[in-house]
Structure formats: C-alpha cells, structure tokens
Amino acid sequence: GARDPSYDETQVSEAMKAPEIAIKVSLGLGKGRDRVLTCDLTKEYV
C-alpha cells in the first residue's frame, strides 16, 4: 500500500522505454489470477 522502499526512478524509467510492458498487481487476498493484453494510448489513436 505504499511506494516500495527500494524504488529507483532511474531504473524504472529505463524499463518503461521497452516496447513491451508487463504490469503485475498482487492483491494478497486469495488465489484468483488472470491476465489480459492491451496497448498504450497515443496521439495517433485520436
């Protein structure tokens, strides 16, 4: 529920330059798991 103590803005910013981005969310409530695919939203979409 808070920023990770080891958070490094430079490291994360570099990772976000990759053409494929994996976002993982852990809820800690049970065993339910799922995965979906999408893409970014750019000016070209508009």
ModelCIF file with pLDDT and N, C-alpha, C, O atoms, coordinates in Angstrom:
data_MODEL
#
_entry.id   MODEL 
#
_entity.id                         1 
_entity.type                       polymer 
_entity.pdbx_number_of_molecules   1 
#
_entity_poly.entity_id                      1 
_entity_poly.type                           'polypeptide(L)' 
_entity_poly.nstd_linkage                   no 
_entity_poly.nstd_monomer                   no 
_entity_poly.pdbx_seq_one_letter_code       GARDPSYDETQVSEAMKAPEIAIKVSLGLGKGRDRVLTCDLTKEYV 
_entity_poly.pdbx_seq_one_letter_code_can   GARDPSYDETQVSEAMKAPEIAIKVSLGLGKGRDRVLTCDLTKEYV 
_entity_poly.pdbx_strand_id                 A 
#
loop_
_entity_poly_seq.entity_id 
_entity_poly_seq.num 
_entity_poly_seq.mon_id 
_entity_poly_seq.hetero 
1 1  GLY n 
1 2  ALA n 
1 3  ARG n 
1 4  ASP n 
1 5  PRO n 
1 6  SER n 
1 7  TYR n 
1 8  ASP n 
1 9  GLU n 
1 10 THR n 
1 11 GLN n 
1 12 VAL n 
1 13 SER n 
1 14 GLU n 
1 15 ALA n 
1 16 MET n 
1 17 LYS n 
1 18 ALA n 
1 19 PRO n 
1 20 GLU n 
1 21 ILE n 
1 22 ALA n 
1 23 ILE n 
1 24 LYS n 
1 25 VAL n 
1 26 SER n 
1 27 LEU n 
1 28 GLY n 
1 29 LEU n 
1 30 GLY n 
1 31 LYS n 
1 32 GLY n 
1 33 ARG n 
1 34 ASP n 
1 35 ARG n 
1 36 VAL n 
1 37 LEU n 
1 38 THR n 
1 39 CYS n 
1 40 ASP n 
1 41 LEU n 
1 42 THR n 
1 43 LYS n 
1 44 GLU n 
1 45 TYR n 
1 46 VAL n 
#
_struct_asym.id          A 
_struct_asym.entity_id   1 
#
loop_
_ma_qa_metric.id 
_ma_qa_metric.mode 
_ma_qa_metric.name 
_ma_qa_metric.software_group_id 
_ma_qa_metric.type 
1 global pLDDT . pLDDT 
2 local  pLDDT . pLDDT 
#
_ma_qa_metric_global.metric_id      1 
_ma_qa_metric_global.metric_value   95.07 
_ma_qa_metric_global.model_id       1 
_ma_qa_metric_global.ordinal_id     1 
#
loop_
_ma_qa_metric_local.label_asym_id 
_ma_qa_metric_local.label_comp_id 
_ma_qa_metric_local.label_seq_id 
_ma_qa_metric_local.metric_id 
_ma_qa_metric_local.metric_value 
_ma_qa_metric_local.model_id 
_ma_qa_metric_local.ordinal_id 
A GLY 1  2 90.00 1 1  
A ALA 2  2 93.00 1 2  
A ARG 3  2 94.00 1 3  
A ASP 4  2 95.00 1 4  
A PRO 5  2 94.00 1 5  
A SER 6  2 92.00 1 6  
A TYR 7  2 92.00 1 7  
A ASP 8  2 93.00 1 8  
A GLU 9  2 92.00 1 9  
A THR 10 2 94.00 1 10 
A GLN 11 2 95.00 1 11 
A VAL 12 2 95.00 1 12 
A SER 13 2 94.00 1 13 
A GLU 14 2 96.00 1 14 
A ALA 15 2 96.00 1 15 
A MET 16 2 97.00 1 16 
A LYS 17 2 97.00 1 17 
A ALA 18 2 98.00 1 18 
A PRO 19 2 97.00 1 19 
A GLU 20 2 98.00 1 20 
A ILE 21 2 98.00 1 21 
A ALA 22 2 98.00 1 22 
A ILE 23 2 98.00 1 23 
A LYS 24 2 98.00 1 24 
A VAL 25 2 98.00 1 25 
A SER 26 2 98.00 1 26 
A LEU 27 2 98.00 1 27 
A GLY 28 2 97.00 1 28 
A LEU 29 2 98.00 1 29 
A GLY 30 2 98.00 1 30 
A LYS 31 2 98.00 1 31 
A GLY 32 2 98.00 1 32 
A ARG 33 2 98.00 1 33 
A ASP 34 2 98.00 1 34 
A ARG 35 2 98.00 1 35 
A VAL 36 2 97.00 1 36 
A LEU 37 2 96.00 1 37 
A THR 38 2 96.00 1 38 
A CYS 39 2 95.00 1 39 
A ASP 40 2 95.00 1 40 
A LEU 41 2 93.00 1 41 
A THR 42 2 92.00 1 42 
A LYS 43 2 91.00 1 43 
A GLU 44 2 88.00 1 44 
A TYR 45 2 84.00 1 45 
A VAL 46 2 85.00 1 46 
#
loop_
_atom_site.group_PDB 
_atom_site.id 
_atom_site.type_symbol 
_atom_site.label_atom_id 
_atom_site.label_alt_id 
_atom_site.label_comp_id 
_atom_site.label_asym_id 
_atom_site.label_entity_id 
_atom_site.label_seq_id 
_atom_site.pdbx_PDB_ins_code 
_atom_site.Cartn_x 
_atom_site.Cartn_y 
_atom_site.Cartn_z 
_atom_site.occupancy 
_atom_site.B_iso_or_equiv 
_atom_site.pdbx_formal_charge 
_atom_site.auth_seq_id 
_atom_site.auth_comp_id 
_atom_site.auth_asym_id 
_atom_site.auth_atom_id 
_atom_site.pdbx_PDB_model_num 
ATOM 1   N N  . GLY A 1 1  ? 0.773  -1.234  0.000   1.00 90.00 ? 1  GLY A N  1 
ATOM 2   C CA . GLY A 1 1  ? 0.000  0.000   0.000   1.00 90.00 ? 1  GLY A CA 1 
ATOM 3   C C  . GLY A 1 1  ? 0.804  1.284   0.000   1.00 90.00 ? 1  GLY A C  1 
ATOM 4   O O  . GLY A 1 1  ? 0.255  2.352   0.272   1.00 90.00 ? 1  GLY A O  1 
ATOM 5   N N  . ALA A 1 2  ? 2.102  1.205   -0.301  1.00 93.00 ? 2  ALA A N  1 
ATOM 6   C CA . ALA A 1 2  ? 2.933  2.415   -0.350  1.00 93.00 ? 2  ALA A CA 1 
ATOM 7   C C  . ALA A 1 2  ? 4.052  2.214   -1.365  1.00 93.00 ? 2  ALA A C  1 
ATOM 8   O O  . ALA A 1 2  ? 4.242  1.114   -1.884  1.00 93.00 ? 2  ALA A O  1 
ATOM 9   N N  . ARG A 1 3  ? 4.790  3.284   -1.643  1.00 94.00 ? 3  ARG A N  1 
ATOM 10  C CA . ARG A 1 3  ? 5.922  3.168   -2.557  1.00 94.00 ? 3  ARG A CA 1 
ATOM 11  C C  . ARG A 1 3  ? 6.939  2.183   -1.994  1.00 94.00 ? 3  ARG A C  1 
ATOM 12  O O  . ARG A 1 3  ? 7.222  2.174   -0.796  1.00 94.00 ? 3  ARG A O  1 
ATOM 13  N N  . ASP A 1 4  ? 7.485  1.350   -2.886  1.00 95.00 ? 4  ASP A N  1 
ATOM 14  C CA . ASP A 1 4  ? 8.475  0.364   -2.454  1.00 95.00 ? 4  ASP A CA 1 
ATOM 15  C C  . ASP A 1 4  ? 9.714  1.081   -1.907  1.00 95.00 ? 4  ASP A C  1 
ATOM 16  O O  . ASP A 1 4  ? 10.193 2.032   -2.525  1.00 95.00 ? 4  ASP A O  1 
ATOM 17  N N  . PRO A 1 5  ? 10.232 0.645   -0.773  1.00 94.00 ? 5  PRO A N  1 
ATOM 18  C CA . PRO A 1 5  ? 11.399 1.303   -0.172  1.00 94.00 ? 5  PRO A CA 1 
ATOM 19  C C  . PRO A 1 5  ? 12.621 1.347   -1.084  1.00 94.00 ? 5  PRO A C  1 
ATOM 20  O O  . PRO A 1 5  ? 13.447 2.254   -0.983  1.00 94.00 ? 5  PRO A O  1 
ATOM 21  N N  . SER A 1 6  ? 12.730 0.356   -1.980  1.00 92.00 ? 6  SER A N  1 
ATOM 22  C CA . SER A 1 6  ? 13.898 0.302   -2.865  1.00 92.00 ? 6  SER A CA 1 
ATOM 23  C C  . SER A 1 6  ? 13.661 0.984   -4.211  1.00 92.00 ? 6  SER A C  1 
ATOM 24  O O  . SER A 1 6  ? 14.456 0.824   -5.137  1.00 92.00 ? 6  SER A O  1 
ATOM 25  N N  . TYR A 1 7  ? 12.573 1.742   -4.321  1.00 92.00 ? 7  TYR A N  1 
ATOM 26  C CA . TYR A 1 7  ? 12.212 2.366   -5.599  1.00 92.00 ? 7  TYR A CA 1 
ATOM 27  C C  . TYR A 1 7  ? 13.341 3.250   -6.126  1.00 92.00 ? 7  TYR A C  1 
ATOM 28  O O  . TYR A 1 7  ? 13.912 4.068   -5.405  1.00 92.00 ? 7  TYR A O  1 
ATOM 29  N N  . ASP A 1 8  ? 13.641 3.050   -7.423  1.00 93.00 ? 8  ASP A N  1 
ATOM 30  C CA . ASP A 1 8  ? 14.689 3.825   -8.096  1.00 93.00 ? 8  ASP A CA 1 
ATOM 31  C C  . ASP A 1 8  ? 14.096 4.392   -9.380  1.00 93.00 ? 8  ASP A C  1 
ATOM 32  O O  . ASP A 1 8  ? 13.861 3.647   -10.331 1.00 93.00 ? 8  ASP A O  1 
ATOM 33  N N  . GLU A 1 9  ? 13.857 5.674   -9.421  1.00 92.00 ? 9  GLU A N  1 
ATOM 34  C CA . GLU A 1 9  ? 13.204 6.322   -10.564 1.00 92.00 ? 9  GLU A CA 1 
ATOM 35  C C  . GLU A 1 9  ? 13.979 6.099   -11.860 1.00 92.00 ? 9  GLU A C  1 
ATOM 36  O O  . GLU A 1 9  ? 13.376 5.869   -12.909 1.00 92.00 ? 9  GLU A O  1 
ATOM 37  N N  . THR A 1 10 ? 15.294 6.163   -11.799 1.00 94.00 ? 10 THR A N  1 
ATOM 38  C CA . THR A 1 10 ? 16.121 5.984   -12.997 1.00 94.00 ? 10 THR A CA 1 
ATOM 39  C C  . THR A 1 10 ? 15.963 4.576   -13.569 1.00 94.00 ? 10 THR A C  1 
ATOM 40  O O  . THR A 1 10 ? 15.824 4.405   -14.780 1.00 94.00 ? 10 THR A O  1 
ATOM 41  N N  . GLN A 1 11 ? 15.985 3.582   -12.704 1.00 95.00 ? 11 GLN A N  1 
ATOM 42  C CA . GLN A 1 11 ? 15.848 2.192   -13.129 1.00 95.00 ? 11 GLN A CA 1 
ATOM 43  C C  . GLN A 1 11 ? 14.483 1.941   -13.778 1.00 95.00 ? 11 GLN A C  1 
ATOM 44  O O  . GLN A 1 11 ? 14.389 1.309   -14.830 1.00 95.00 ? 11 GLN A O  1 
ATOM 45  N N  . VAL A 1 12 ? 13.440 2.444   -13.137 1.00 95.00 ? 12 VAL A N  1 
ATOM 46  C CA . VAL A 1 12 ? 12.088 2.231   -13.649 1.00 95.00 ? 12 VAL A CA 1 
ATOM 47  C C  . VAL A 1 12 ? 11.877 2.979   -14.959 1.00 95.00 ? 12 VAL A C  1 
ATOM 48  O O  . VAL A 1 12 ? 11.260 2.446   -15.882 1.00 95.00 ? 12 VAL A O  1 
ATOM 49  N N  . SER A 1 13 ? 12.377 4.197   -15.049 1.00 94.00 ? 13 SER A N  1 
ATOM 50  C CA . SER A 1 13 ? 12.221 4.994   -16.272 1.00 94.00 ? 13 SER A CA 1 
ATOM 51  C C  . SER A 1 13 ? 12.869 4.303   -17.457 1.00 94.00 ? 13 SER A C  1 
ATOM 52  O O  . SER A 1 13 ? 12.337 4.338   -18.567 1.00 94.00 ? 13 SER A O  1 
ATOM 53  N N  . GLU A 1 14 ? 14.004 3.680   -17.232 1.00 96.00 ? 14 GLU A N  1 
ATOM 54  C CA . GLU A 1 14 ? 14.694 2.954   -18.297 1.00 96.00 ? 14 GLU A CA 1 
ATOM 55  C C  . GLU A 1 14 ? 13.871 1.746   -18.731 1.00 96.00 ? 14 GLU A C  1 
ATOM 56  O O  . GLU A 1 14 ? 13.773 1.454   -19.923 1.00 96.00 ? 14 GLU A O  1 
ATOM 57  N N  . ALA A 1 15 ? 13.281 1.047   -17.768 1.00 96.00 ? 15 ALA A N  1 
ATOM 58  C CA . ALA A 1 15 ? 12.466 -0.130  -18.070 1.00 96.00 ? 15 ALA A CA 1 
ATOM 59  C C  . ALA A 1 15 ? 11.227 0.235   -18.882 1.00 96.00 ? 15 ALA A C  1 
ATOM 60  O O  . ALA A 1 15 ? 10.770 -0.563  -19.700 1.00 96.00 ? 15 ALA A O  1 
ATOM 61  N N  . MET A 1 16 ? 10.681 1.427   -18.669 1.00 97.00 ? 16 MET A N  1 
ATOM 62  C CA . MET A 1 16 ? 9.462  1.847   -19.347 1.00 97.00 ? 16 MET A CA 1 
ATOM 63  C C  . MET A 1 16 ? 9.690  2.197   -20.814 1.00 97.00 ? 16 MET A C  1 
ATOM 64  O O  . MET A 1 16 ? 8.731  2.421   -21.554 1.00 97.00 ? 16 MET A O  1 
ATOM 65  N N  . LYS A 1 17 ? 10.948 2.247   -21.239 1.00 97.00 ? 17 LYS A N  1 
ATOM 66  C CA . LYS A 1 17 ? 11.258 2.526   -22.644 1.00 97.00 ? 17 LYS A CA 1 
ATOM 67  C C  . LYS A 1 17 ? 11.085 1.291   -23.525 1.00 97.00 ? 17 LYS A C  1 
ATOM 68  O O  . LYS A 1 17 ? 11.093 1.400   -24.751 1.00 97.00 ? 17 LYS A O  1 
ATOM 69  N N  . ALA A 1 18 ? 10.930 0.134   -22.919 1.00 98.00 ? 18 ALA A N  1 
ATOM 70  C CA . ALA A 1 18 ? 10.800 -1.119  -23.670 1.00 98.00 ? 18 ALA A CA 1 
ATOM 71  C C  . ALA A 1 18 ? 9.497  -1.138  -24.470 1.00 98.00 ? 18 ALA A C  1 
ATOM 72  O O  . ALA A 1 18 ? 8.510  -0.536  -24.047 1.00 98.00 ? 18 ALA A O  1 
ATOM 73  N N  . PRO A 1 19 ? 9.479  -1.824  -25.626 1.00 97.00 ? 19 PRO A N  1 
ATOM 74  C CA . PRO A 1 19 ? 8.259  -1.884  -26.441 1.00 97.00 ? 19 PRO A CA 1 
ATOM 75  C C  . PRO A 1 19 ? 7.178  -2.768  -25.825 1.00 97.00 ? 19 PRO A C  1 
ATOM 76  O O  . PRO A 1 19 ? 6.012  -2.673  -26.205 1.00 97.00 ? 19 PRO A O  1 
ATOM 77  N N  . GLU A 1 20 ? 7.555  -3.630  -24.875 1.00 98.00 ? 20 GLU A N  1 
ATOM 78  C CA . GLU A 1 20 ? 6.584  -4.482  -24.204 1.00 98.00 ? 20 GLU A CA 1 
ATOM 79  C C  . GLU A 1 20 ? 6.640  -4.210  -22.707 1.00 98.00 ? 20 GLU A C  1 
ATOM 80  O O  . GLU A 1 20 ? 7.701  -4.278  -22.085 1.00 98.00 ? 20 GLU A O  1 
ATOM 81  N N  . ILE A 1 21 ? 5.479  -3.901  -22.142 1.00 98.00 ? 21 ILE A N  1 
ATOM 82  C CA . ILE A 1 21 ? 5.386  -3.537  -20.733 1.00 98.00 ? 21 ILE A CA 1 
ATOM 83  C C  . ILE A 1 21 ? 4.523  -4.553  -19.999 1.00 98.00 ? 21 ILE A C  1 
ATOM 84  O O  . ILE A 1 21 ? 3.401  -4.849  -20.411 1.00 98.00 ? 21 ILE A O  1 
ATOM 85  N N  . ALA A 1 22 ? 5.063  -5.085  -18.904 1.00 98.00 ? 22 ALA A N  1 
ATOM 86  C CA . ALA A 1 22 ? 4.317  -6.032  -18.077 1.00 98.00 ? 22 ALA A CA 1 
ATOM 87  C C  . ALA A 1 22 ? 3.980  -5.363  -16.748 1.00 98.00 ? 22 ALA A C  1 
ATOM 88  O O  . ALA A 1 22 ? 4.874  -4.986  -15.990 1.00 98.00 ? 22 ALA A O  1 
ATOM 89  N N  . ILE A 1 23 ? 2.706  -5.222  -16.476 1.00 98.00 ? 23 ILE A N  1 
ATOM 90  C CA . ILE A 1 23 ? 2.247  -4.685  -15.193 1.00 98.00 ? 23 ILE A CA 1 
ATOM 91  C C  . ILE A 1 23 ? 1.707  -5.847  -14.364 1.00 98.00 ? 23 ILE A C  1 
ATOM 92  O O  . ILE A 1 23 ? 0.841  -6.599  -14.810 1.00 98.00 ? 23 ILE A O  1 
ATOM 93  N N  . LYS A 1 24 ? 2.234  -5.975  -13.162 1.00 98.00 ? 24 LYS A N  1 
ATOM 94  C CA . LYS A 1 24 ? 1.773  -7.050  -12.275 1.00 98.00 ? 24 LYS A CA 1 
ATOM 95  C C  . LYS A 1 24 ? 1.215  -6.440  -11.002 1.00 98.00 ? 24 LYS A C  1 
ATOM 96  O O  . LYS A 1 24 ? 1.861  -5.616  -10.355 1.00 98.00 ? 24 LYS A O  1 
ATOM 97  N N  . VAL A 1 25 ? 0.007  -6.858  -10.654 1.00 98.00 ? 25 VAL A N  1 
ATOM 98  C CA . VAL A 1 25 ? -0.658 -6.375  -9.447  1.00 98.00 ? 25 VAL A CA 1 
ATOM 99  C C  . VAL A 1 25 ? -0.921 -7.567  -8.535  1.00 98.00 ? 25 VAL A C  1 
ATOM 100 O O  . VAL A 1 25 ? -1.549 -8.542  -8.947  1.00 98.00 ? 25 VAL A O  1 
ATOM 101 N N  . SER A 1 26 ? -0.444 -7.487  -7.309  1.00 98.00 ? 26 SER A N  1 
ATOM 102 C CA . SER A 1 26 ? -0.685 -8.533  -6.315  1.00 98.00 ? 26 SER A CA 1 
ATOM 103 C C  . SER A 1 26 ? -1.612 -7.977  -5.245  1.00 98.00 ? 26 SER A C  1 
ATOM 104 O O  . SER A 1 26 ? -1.311 -6.971  -4.602  1.00 98.00 ? 26 SER A O  1 
ATOM 105 N N  . LEU A 1 27 ? -2.756 -8.656  -5.063  1.00 98.00 ? 27 LEU A N  1 
ATOM 106 C CA . LEU A 1 27 ? -3.778 -8.173  -4.137  1.00 98.00 ? 27 LEU A CA 1 
ATOM 107 C C  . LEU A 1 27 ? -3.652 -8.776  -2.744  1.00 98.00 ? 27 LEU A C  1 
ATOM 108 O O  . LEU A 1 27 ? -4.071 -8.167  -1.760  1.00 98.00 ? 27 LEU A O  1 
ATOM 109 N N  . GLY A 1 28 ? -3.072 -9.974  -2.658  1.00 97.00 ? 28 GLY A N  1 
ATOM 110 C CA . GLY A 1 28 ? -2.882 -10.598 -1.357  1.00 97.00 ? 28 GLY A CA 1 
ATOM 111 C C  . GLY A 1 28 ? -4.145 -11.044 -0.667  1.00 97.00 ? 28 GLY A C  1 
ATOM 112 O O  . GLY A 1 28 ? -4.193 -11.094 0.562   1.00 97.00 ? 28 GLY A O  1 
ATOM 113 N N  . LEU A 1 29 ? -5.184 -11.375 -1.440  1.00 98.00 ? 29 LEU A N  1 
ATOM 114 C CA . LEU A 1 29 ? -6.473 -11.751 -0.848  1.00 98.00 ? 29 LEU A CA 1 
ATOM 115 C C  . LEU A 1 29 ? -6.867 -13.211 -1.076  1.00 98.00 ? 29 LEU A C  1 
ATOM 116 O O  . LEU A 1 29 ? -7.681 -13.752 -0.327  1.00 98.00 ? 29 LEU A O  1 
ATOM 117 N N  . GLY A 1 30 ? -6.307 -13.845 -2.086  1.00 98.00 ? 30 GLY A N  1 
ATOM 118 C CA . GLY A 1 30 ? -6.726 -15.202 -2.422  1.00 98.00 ? 30 GLY A CA 1 
ATOM 119 C C  . GLY A 1 30 ? -5.854 -15.802 -3.500  1.00 98.00 ? 30 GLY A C  1 
ATOM 120 O O  . GLY A 1 30 ? -4.696 -15.419 -3.668  1.00 98.00 ? 30 GLY A O  1 
ATOM 121 N N  . LYS A 1 31 ? -6.426 -16.752 -4.235  1.00 98.00 ? 31 LYS A N  1 
ATOM 122 C CA . LYS A 1 31 ? -5.671 -17.462 -5.268  1.00 98.00 ? 31 LYS A CA 1 
ATOM 123 C C  . LYS A 1 31 ? -6.107 -17.095 -6.689  1.00 98.00 ? 31 LYS A C  1 
ATOM 124 O O  . LYS A 1 31 ? -5.595 -17.662 -7.655  1.00 98.00 ? 31 LYS A O  1 
ATOM 125 N N  . GLY A 1 32 ? -7.037 -16.164 -6.824  1.00 98.00 ? 32 GLY A N  1 
ATOM 126 C CA . GLY A 1 32 ? -7.518 -15.772 -8.147  1.00 98.00 ? 32 GLY A CA 1 
ATOM 127 C C  . GLY A 1 32 ? -6.448 -15.063 -8.960  1.00 98.00 ? 32 GLY A C  1 
ATOM 128 O O  . GLY A 1 32 ? -5.758 -14.172 -8.466  1.00 98.00 ? 32 GLY A O  1 
ATOM 129 N N  . ARG A 1 33 ? -6.323 -15.478 -10.221 1.00 98.00 ? 33 ARG A N  1 
ATOM 130 C CA . ARG A 1 33 ? -5.302 -14.885 -11.104 1.00 98.00 ? 33 ARG A CA 1 
ATOM 131 C C  . ARG A 1 33 ? -5.833 -14.796 -12.517 1.00 98.00 ? 33 ARG A C  1 
ATOM 132 O O  . ARG A 1 33 ? -6.560 -15.684 -12.964 1.00 98.00 ? 33 ARG A O  1 
ATOM 133 N N  . ASP A 1 34 ? -5.479 -13.733 -13.228 1.00 98.00 ? 34 ASP A N  1 
ATOM 134 C CA . ASP A 1 34 ? -5.839 -13.612 -14.639 1.00 98.00 ? 34 ASP A CA 1 
ATOM 135 C C  . ASP A 1 34 ? -4.886 -12.656 -15.337 1.00 98.00 ? 34 ASP A C  1 
ATOM 136 O O  . ASP A 1 34 ? -4.132 -11.913 -14.708 1.00 98.00 ? 34 ASP A O  1 
ATOM 137 N N  . ARG A 1 35 ? -4.951 -12.706 -16.662 1.00 98.00 ? 35 ARG A N  1 
ATOM 138 C CA . ARG A 1 35 ? -4.035 -11.913 -17.500 1.00 98.00 ? 35 ARG A CA 1 
ATOM 139 C C  . ARG A 1 35 ? -4.800 -11.371 -18.688 1.00 98.00 ? 35 ARG A C  1 
ATOM 140 O O  . ARG A 1 35 ? -5.587 -12.092 -19.302 1.00 98.00 ? 35 ARG A O  1 
ATOM 141 N N  . VAL A 1 36 ? -4.579 -10.112 -19.019 1.00 97.00 ? 36 VAL A N  1 
ATOM 142 C CA . VAL A 1 36 ? -5.184 -9.525  -20.215 1.00 97.00 ? 36 VAL A CA 1 
ATOM 143 C C  . VAL A 1 36 ? -4.114 -8.749  -20.984 1.00 97.00 ? 36 VAL A C  1 
ATOM 144 O O  . VAL A 1 36 ? -3.076 -8.377  -20.437 1.00 97.00 ? 36 VAL A O  1 
ATOM 145 N N  . LEU A 1 37 ? -4.393 -8.517  -22.252 1.00 96.00 ? 37 LEU A N  1 
ATOM 146 C CA . LEU A 1 37 ? -3.489 -7.749  -23.106 1.00 96.00 ? 37 LEU A CA 1 
ATOM 147 C C  . LEU A 1 37 ? -4.154 -6.460  -23.560 1.00 96.00 ? 37 LEU A C  1 
ATOM 148 O O  . LEU A 1 37 ? -5.359 -6.418  -23.807 1.00 96.00 ? 37 LEU A O  1 
ATOM 149 N N  . THR A 1 38 ? -3.350 -5.414  -23.666 1.00 96.00 ? 38 THR A N  1 
ATOM 150 C CA . THR A 1 38 ? -3.826 -4.154  -24.226 1.00 96.00 ? 38 THR A CA 1 
ATOM 151 C C  . THR A 1 38 ? -2.620 -3.448  -24.857 1.00 96.00 ? 38 THR A C  1 
ATOM 152 O O  . THR A 1 38 ? -1.580 -4.063  -25.092 1.00 96.00 ? 38 THR A O  1 
ATOM 153 N N  . CYS A 1 39 ? -2.775 -2.166  -25.121 1.00 95.00 ? 39 CYS A N  1 
ATOM 154 C CA . CYS A 1 39 ? -1.677 -1.375  -25.677 1.00 95.00 ? 39 CYS A CA 1 
ATOM 155 C C  . CYS A 1 39 ? -1.761 0.023   -25.086 1.00 95.00 ? 39 CYS A C  1 
ATOM 156 O O  . CYS A 1 39 ? -2.694 0.340   -24.348 1.00 95.00 ? 39 CYS A O  1 
ATOM 157 N N  . ASP A 1 40 ? -0.788 0.850   -25.412 1.00 95.00 ? 40 ASP A N  1 
ATOM 158 C CA . ASP A 1 40 ? -0.815 2.215   -24.910 1.00 95.00 ? 40 ASP A CA 1 
ATOM 159 C C  . ASP A 1 40 ? -1.801 3.065   -25.714 1.00 95.00 ? 40 ASP A C  1 
ATOM 160 O O  . ASP A 1 40 ? -2.299 2.635   -26.754 1.00 95.00 ? 40 ASP A O  1 
ATOM 161 N N  . LEU A 1 41 ? -2.068 4.250   -25.230 1.00 93.00 ? 41 LEU A N  1 
ATOM 162 C CA . LEU A 1 41 ? -2.984 5.187   -25.889 1.00 93.00 ? 41 LEU A CA 1 
ATOM 163 C C  . LEU A 1 41 ? -2.185 6.413   -26.305 1.00 93.00 ? 41 LEU A C  1 
ATOM 164 O O  . LEU A 1 41 ? -1.694 7.162   -25.461 1.00 93.00 ? 41 LEU A O  1 
ATOM 165 N N  . THR A 1 42 ? -2.057 6.613   -27.628 1.00 92.00 ? 42 THR A N  1 
ATOM 166 C CA . THR A 1 42 ? -1.204 7.670   -28.156 1.00 92.00 ? 42 THR A CA 1 
ATOM 167 C C  . THR A 1 42 ? -2.001 8.737   -28.906 1.00 92.00 ? 42 THR A C  1 
ATOM 168 O O  . THR A 1 42 ? -3.203 8.592   -29.132 1.00 92.00 ? 42 THR A O  1 
ATOM 169 N N  . LYS A 1 43 ? -1.321 9.786   -29.277 1.00 91.00 ? 43 LYS A N  1 
ATOM 170 C CA . LYS A 1 43 ? -1.950 10.857  -30.065 1.00 91.00 ? 43 LYS A CA 1 
ATOM 171 C C  . LYS A 1 43 ? -2.450 10.324  -31.403 1.00 91.00 ? 43 LYS A C  1 
ATOM 172 O O  . LYS A 1 43 ? -3.443 10.815  -31.938 1.00 91.00 ? 43 LYS A O  1 
ATOM 173 N N  . GLU A 1 44 ? -1.767 9.326   -31.939 1.00 88.00 ? 44 GLU A N  1 
ATOM 174 C CA . GLU A 1 44 ? -2.168 8.782   -33.231 1.00 88.00 ? 44 GLU A CA 1 
ATOM 175 C C  . GLU A 1 44 ? -3.530 8.101   -33.150 1.00 88.00 ? 44 GLU A C  1 
ATOM 176 O O  . GLU A 1 44 ? -4.282 8.111   -34.125 1.00 88.00 ? 44 GLU A O  1 
ATOM 177 N N  . TYR A 1 45 ? -3.860 7.505   -31.995 1.00 84.00 ? 45 TYR A N  1 
ATOM 178 C CA . TYR A 1 45 ? -5.182 6.899   -31.840 1.00 84.00 ? 45 TYR A CA 1 
ATOM 179 C C  . TYR A 1 45 ? -6.263 7.958   -32.031 1.00 84.00 ? 45 TYR A C  1 
ATOM 180 O O  . TYR A 1 45 ? -7.269 7.721   -32.700 1.00 84.00 ? 45 TYR A O  1 
ATOM 181 N N  . VAL A 1 46 ? -6.045 9.117   -31.440 1.00 85.00 ? 46 VAL A N  1 
ATOM 182 C CA . VAL A 1 46 ? -7.004 10.216  -31.571 1.00 85.00 ? 46 VAL A CA 1 
ATOM 183 C C  . VAL A 1 46 ? -7.075 10.674  -33.022 1.00 85.00 ? 46 VAL A C  1 
ATOM 184 O O  . VAL A 1 46 ? -7.828 11.594  -33.343 1.00 85.00 ? 46 VAL A O  1 
#
